[in-house]
Amino acid sequence: MDTMLSSSELFLLLSPKDIQHQLAADVKRSRLDVKGWKRNTLAEKSGVPASTIKRFENSGEISLRQLLMLVHALGLLGRFDQLLKKEIDGMSMDEYIKQNENRPRRRGVE
């Protein structure tokens, strides 16, 4: 029997580097296919240097702040908000936080 993985389960199989490259490819696709912008246009609209955009599209390397600036310029910032609203064991992130807000803090040990 074939088992299909959901997109969230598929991300569990990917490394952080894989996800970096996927984000870079998604931003590039949005820049080209959705907006039809050159890198310089996205640079002007986002405030992120074109050289940084090029490095990101080629390597996946970028700061979180600059990534958010790019997706904001592309009109996709709302998707990041959705990341924080995922369900954890059947409850929303807000419910999880409320349920656990009075729990004592745990510290790591060696």
C-alpha atoms as a PDB file:
ATOM      1  CA  MET A   1       0.000   0.000   0.000  1.00  0.00           C
ATOM      2  CA  ASP A   2       1.386   3.441  -0.936  1.00  0.00           C
ATOM      3  CA  THR A   3       1.515   5.995   1.841  1.00  0.00           C
ATOM      4  CA  MET A   4       1.305   9.656   0.887  1.00  0.00           C
ATOM      5  CA  LEU A   5       3.148  12.174   3.054  1.00  0.00           C
ATOM      6  CA  SER A   6       1.602  15.535   3.825  1.00  0.00           C
ATOM      7  CA  SER A   7       3.700  18.608   3.098  1.00  0.00           C
ATOM      8  CA  SER A   8       4.381  19.084   6.827  1.00  0.00           C
ATOM      9  CA  GLU A   9       5.533  15.458   7.118  1.00  0.00           C
ATOM     10  CA  LEU A  10       7.715  15.893   4.035  1.00  0.00           C
ATOM     11  CA  PHE A  11       9.511  18.823   5.685  1.00  0.00           C
ATOM     12  CA  LEU A  12      10.461  16.472   8.526  1.00  0.00           C
ATOM     13  CA  LEU A  13      12.550  14.525   6.005  1.00  0.00           C
ATOM     14  CA  LEU A  14      14.426  17.604   4.806  1.00  0.00           C
ATOM     15  CA  SER A  15      17.529  19.114   6.340  1.00  0.00           C
ATOM     16  CA  PRO A  16      17.685  22.813   7.251  1.00  0.00           C
ATOM     17  CA  LYS A  17      19.900  23.330   4.177  1.00  0.00           C
ATOM     18  CA  ASP A  18      17.253  21.678   1.974  1.00  0.00           C
ATOM     19  CA  ILE A  19      14.622  24.018   3.369  1.00  0.00           C
ATOM     20  CA  GLN A  20      16.895  27.041   2.828  1.00  0.00           C
ATOM     21  CA  HIS A  21      17.218  26.110  -0.846  1.00  0.00           C
ATOM     22  CA  GLN A  22      13.463  25.520  -1.114  1.00  0.00           C
ATOM     23  CA  LEU A  23      12.722  28.952   0.384  1.00  0.00           C
ATOM     24  CA  ALA A  24      15.206  30.553  -2.017  1.00  0.00           C
ATOM     25  CA  ALA A  25      13.595  28.788  -4.980  1.00  0.00           C
ATOM     26  CA  ASP A  26      10.118  29.853  -3.821  1.00  0.00           C
ATOM     27  CA  VAL A  27      11.177  33.492  -3.460  1.00  0.00           C
ATOM     28  CA  LYS A  28      12.835  33.414  -6.896  1.00  0.00           C
ATOM     29  CA  ARG A  29       9.734  31.835  -8.436  1.00  0.00           C
ATOM     30  CA  SER A  30       7.533  34.519  -6.850  1.00  0.00           C
ATOM     31  CA  ARG A  31       9.886  37.239  -8.074  1.00  0.00           C
ATOM     32  CA  LEU A  32       9.932  35.961 -11.654  1.00  0.00           C
ATOM     33  CA  ASP A  33       6.617  34.184 -12.259  1.00  0.00           C
ATOM     34  CA  VAL A  34       4.232  36.125 -10.043  1.00  0.00           C
ATOM     35  CA  LYS A  35       5.702  39.633 -10.141  1.00  0.00           C
ATOM     36  CA  GLY A  36       7.905  39.444 -13.257  1.00  0.00           C
ATOM     37  CA  TRP A  37      10.570  41.462 -11.451  1.00  0.00           C
ATOM     38  CA  LYS A  38      14.299  41.612 -12.005  1.00  0.00           C
ATOM     39  CA  ARG A  39      16.513  41.304  -8.945  1.00  0.00           C
ATOM     40  CA  ASN A  40      17.132  45.058  -9.030  1.00  0.00           C
ATOM     41  CA  THR A  41      13.388  45.729  -8.880  1.00  0.00           C
ATOM     42  CA  LEU A  42      12.975  43.473  -5.849  1.00  0.00           C
ATOM     43  CA  ALA A  43      16.037  45.127  -4.303  1.00  0.00           C
ATOM     44  CA  GLU A  44      14.482  48.581  -4.720  1.00  0.00           C
ATOM     45  CA  LYS A  45      11.118  47.495  -3.336  1.00  0.00           C
ATOM     46  CA  SER A  46      12.503  45.491  -0.411  1.00  0.00           C
ATOM     47  CA  GLY A  47      15.595  47.433   0.635  1.00  0.00           C
ATOM     48  CA  VAL A  48      17.691  44.254   0.336  1.00  0.00           C
ATOM     49  CA  PRO A  49      20.756  44.672  -1.925  1.00  0.00           C
ATOM     50  CA  ALA A  50      20.557  42.868  -5.287  1.00  0.00           C
ATOM     51  CA  SER A  51      23.846  41.106  -4.472  1.00  0.00           C
ATOM     52  CA  THR A  52      22.257  39.665  -1.311  1.00  0.00           C
ATOM     53  CA  ILE A  53      19.236  38.503  -3.306  1.00  0.00           C
ATOM     54  CA  LYS A  54      21.536  36.811  -5.827  1.00  0.00           C
ATOM     55  CA  ARG A  55      23.499  35.082  -3.049  1.00  0.00           C
ATOM     56  CA  PHE A  56      20.231  33.955  -1.426  1.00  0.00           C
ATOM     57  CA  GLU A  57      18.815  32.580  -4.670  1.00  0.00           C
ATOM     58  CA  ASN A  58      22.050  30.681  -5.343  1.00  0.00           C
ATOM     59  CA  SER A  59      22.957  29.448  -1.864  1.00  0.00           C
ATOM     60  CA  GLY A  60      19.915  29.848   0.371  1.00  0.00           C
ATOM     61  CA  GLU A  61      21.966  32.040   2.736  1.00  0.00           C
ATOM     62  CA  ILE A  62      20.230  35.178   4.065  1.00  0.00           C
ATOM     63  CA  SER A  63      19.407  36.775   7.403  1.00  0.00           C
ATOM     64  CA  LEU A  64      15.917  36.302   8.783  1.00  0.00           C
ATOM     65  CA  ARG A  65      15.320  40.067   8.685  1.00  0.00           C
ATOM     66  CA  GLN A  66      16.270  40.286   5.011  1.00  0.00           C
ATOM     67  CA  LEU A  67      14.153  37.234   4.162  1.00  0.00           C
ATOM     68  CA  LEU A  68      11.167  38.890   5.814  1.00  0.00           C
ATOM     69  CA  MET A  69      11.875  42.116   3.894  1.00  0.00           C
ATOM     70  CA  LEU A  70      11.866  40.158   0.609  1.00  0.00           C
ATOM     71  CA  VAL A  71       8.651  38.275   1.288  1.00  0.00           C
ATOM     72  CA  HIS A  72       7.008  41.506   2.463  1.00  0.00           C
ATOM     73  CA  ALA A  73       7.910  43.202  -0.821  1.00  0.00           C
ATOM     74  CA  LEU A  74       6.495  40.183  -2.688  1.00  0.00           C
ATOM     75  CA  GLY A  75       3.269  40.373  -0.685  1.00  0.00           C
ATOM     76  CA  LEU A  76       3.839  37.007   1.009  1.00  0.00           C
ATOM     77  CA  LEU A  77       4.521  38.035   4.603  1.00  0.00           C
ATOM     78  CA  GLY A  78       1.195  36.603   5.774  1.00  0.00           C
ATOM     79  CA  ARG A  79       2.491  33.112   5.070  1.00  0.00           C
ATOM     80  CA  PHE A  80       5.066  33.481   7.830  1.00  0.00           C
ATOM     81  CA  ASP A  81       2.320  34.400  10.265  1.00  0.00           C
ATOM     82  CA  GLN A  82       0.682  31.074   9.441  1.00  0.00           C
ATOM     83  CA  LEU A  83       3.816  29.207  10.570  1.00  0.00           C
ATOM     84  CA  LEU A  84       3.134  30.307  14.121  1.00  0.00           C
ATOM     85  CA  LYS A  85      -0.490  29.239  14.015  1.00  0.00           C
ATOM     86  CA  LYS A  86       0.122  25.559  13.290  1.00  0.00           C
ATOM     87  CA  GLU A  87      -1.584  23.031  15.497  1.00  0.00           C
ATOM     88  CA  ILE A  88       0.370  21.106  18.108  1.00  0.00           C
ATOM     89  CA  ASP A  89      -1.283  17.816  19.001  1.00  0.00           C
ATOM     90  CA  GLY A  90      -4.713  19.092  17.974  1.00  0.00           C
ATOM     91  CA  MET A  91      -4.468  22.595  19.445  1.00  0.00           C
ATOM     92  CA  SER A  92      -3.506  25.966  18.016  1.00  0.00           C
ATOM     93  CA  MET A  93      -0.233  27.615  18.971  1.00  0.00           C
ATOM     94  CA  ASP A  94      -2.186  30.218  20.985  1.00  0.00           C
ATOM     95  CA  GLU A  95      -3.976  27.466  22.932  1.00  0.00           C
ATOM     96  CA  TYR A  96      -0.685  25.656  23.522  1.00  0.00           C
ATOM     97  CA  ILE A  97       0.962  28.825  24.866  1.00  0.00           C
ATOM     98  CA  LYS A  98      -2.006  29.600  27.116  1.00  0.00           C
ATOM     99  CA  GLN A  99      -2.067  26.043  28.449  1.00  0.00           C
ATOM    100  CA  ASN A 100       1.652  26.113  29.190  1.00  0.00           C
ATOM    101  CA  GLU A 101       2.194  29.715  30.291  1.00  0.00           C
ATOM    102  CA  ASN A 102       2.303  28.895  34.018  1.00  0.00           C
ATOM    103  CA  ARG A 103       4.546  25.849  33.695  1.00  0.00           C
ATOM    104  CA  PRO A 104       7.900  26.199  35.437  1.00  0.00           C
ATOM    105  CA  ARG A 105      10.790  26.891  33.076  1.00  0.00           C
ATOM    106  CA  ARG A 106      13.001  23.961  32.241  1.00  0.00           C
ATOM    107  CA  ARG A 107      16.719  24.273  31.826  1.00  0.00           C
ATOM    108  CA  GLY A 108      19.019  22.095  29.778  1.00  0.00           C
ATOM    109  CA  VAL A 109      21.572  19.922  31.454  1.00  0.00           C
ATOM    110  CA  GLU A 110      24.948  18.762  30.260  1.00  0.00           C
END
